[in-house]
Protein backbone atom coordinates (compact mmCIF):
# COMPACT_ATOMS: atom_id res chain seq x y z
CA UNK A 1 -34.29 -4.94 -8.64
CA UNK A 2 -33.17 -4.51 -4.72
CA UNK A 3 -31.10 -7.70 -5.10
CA UNK A 4 -29.63 -5.90 -8.71
CA UNK A 5 -28.38 -2.48 -6.38
CA UNK A 6 -27.24 -4.72 -3.54
CA UNK A 7 -24.98 -7.21 -5.88
CA UNK A 8 -23.79 -3.39 -7.30
CA UNK A 9 -22.94 -1.68 -3.56
CA UNK A 10 -20.93 -5.08 -2.64
CA UNK A 11 -19.00 -4.97 -5.77
CA UNK A 12 -17.98 -1.11 -5.49
CA UNK A 13 -17.33 -1.17 -2.56
CA UNK A 14 -14.76 -4.21 -3.12
CA UNK A 15 -13.25 -2.29 -5.85
CA UNK A 16 -12.47 0.77 -3.98
CA UNK A 17 -10.88 -1.35 -1.43
CA UNK A 18 -8.57 -3.15 -4.26
CA UNK A 19 -7.89 0.40 -5.25
CA UNK A 20 -6.71 2.37 -2.18
CA UNK A 21 -2.74 2.97 -1.82
CA UNK A 22 -1.52 3.83 1.74
CA UNK A 23 1.84 6.07 1.69
CA UNK A 24 4.54 6.59 3.88
CA UNK A 25 7.32 8.79 3.70
CA UNK A 26 10.60 8.45 4.41
CA UNK A 27 13.34 11.42 4.41
CA UNK A 28 16.82 10.22 4.99
CA UNK A 29 19.93 11.11 2.70
CA UNK A 30 19.83 8.27 -0.16
CA UNK A 31 23.52 9.22 -1.37
CA UNK A 32 25.83 8.11 1.82
CA UNK A 33 26.63 4.79 2.58
CA UNK A 34 24.20 3.92 5.59
CA UNK A 35 20.77 5.57 4.18
CA UNK A 36 20.69 3.13 1.19
CA UNK A 37 20.20 0.40 3.03
CA UNK A 38 17.64 2.02 5.14
CA UNK A 39 15.32 2.48 2.58
CA UNK A 40 16.22 -1.11 1.10
CA UNK A 41 14.95 -2.51 4.49
CA UNK A 42 12.20 -0.57 4.02
CA UNK A 43 11.18 -0.91 1.20
CA UNK A 44 11.66 -4.97 1.56
CA UNK A 45 9.87 -4.51 4.90
CA UNK A 46 6.33 -2.59 2.57
CA UNK A 47 6.52 -5.74 -0.86
CA UNK A 48 6.34 -7.79 2.45
CA UNK A 49 3.64 -6.11 4.19
CA UNK A 50 1.60 -6.06 0.84
CA UNK A 51 2.36 -9.83 -0.42
CA UNK A 52 0.47 -10.64 2.48
CA UNK A 53 -2.65 -8.56 1.44
CA UNK A 54 -1.61 -4.92 3.32
CA UNK A 55 -3.25 -3.31 5.54
CA UNK A 56 -6.73 -3.41 5.95
CA UNK A 57 -6.84 -4.55 2.41
CA UNK A 58 -4.51 -1.32 1.34
CA UNK A 59 -1.45 -1.58 -0.43
CA UNK A 60 1.59 0.27 1.40
CA UNK A 61 3.76 3.08 -1.24
CA UNK A 62 7.25 4.47 -0.20
CA UNK A 63 7.81 7.37 -1.10
CA UNK A 64 11.30 8.61 -0.62
CA UNK A 65 12.53 12.18 -0.25
């Protein structure tokens, strides 16, 4: 019984770690010529980090404003 509870506890932690997301806010004007490349470069860097496993197992999400 205690072994089953231990397995459930361990699996629960893995599910929680897989579902976490860290949001990064970026405030820049994307309607001007210099804003779009910054937004694209930021997203590119975030994609690289997410493909490598994220930060402490959590994916990063960019929020543009």
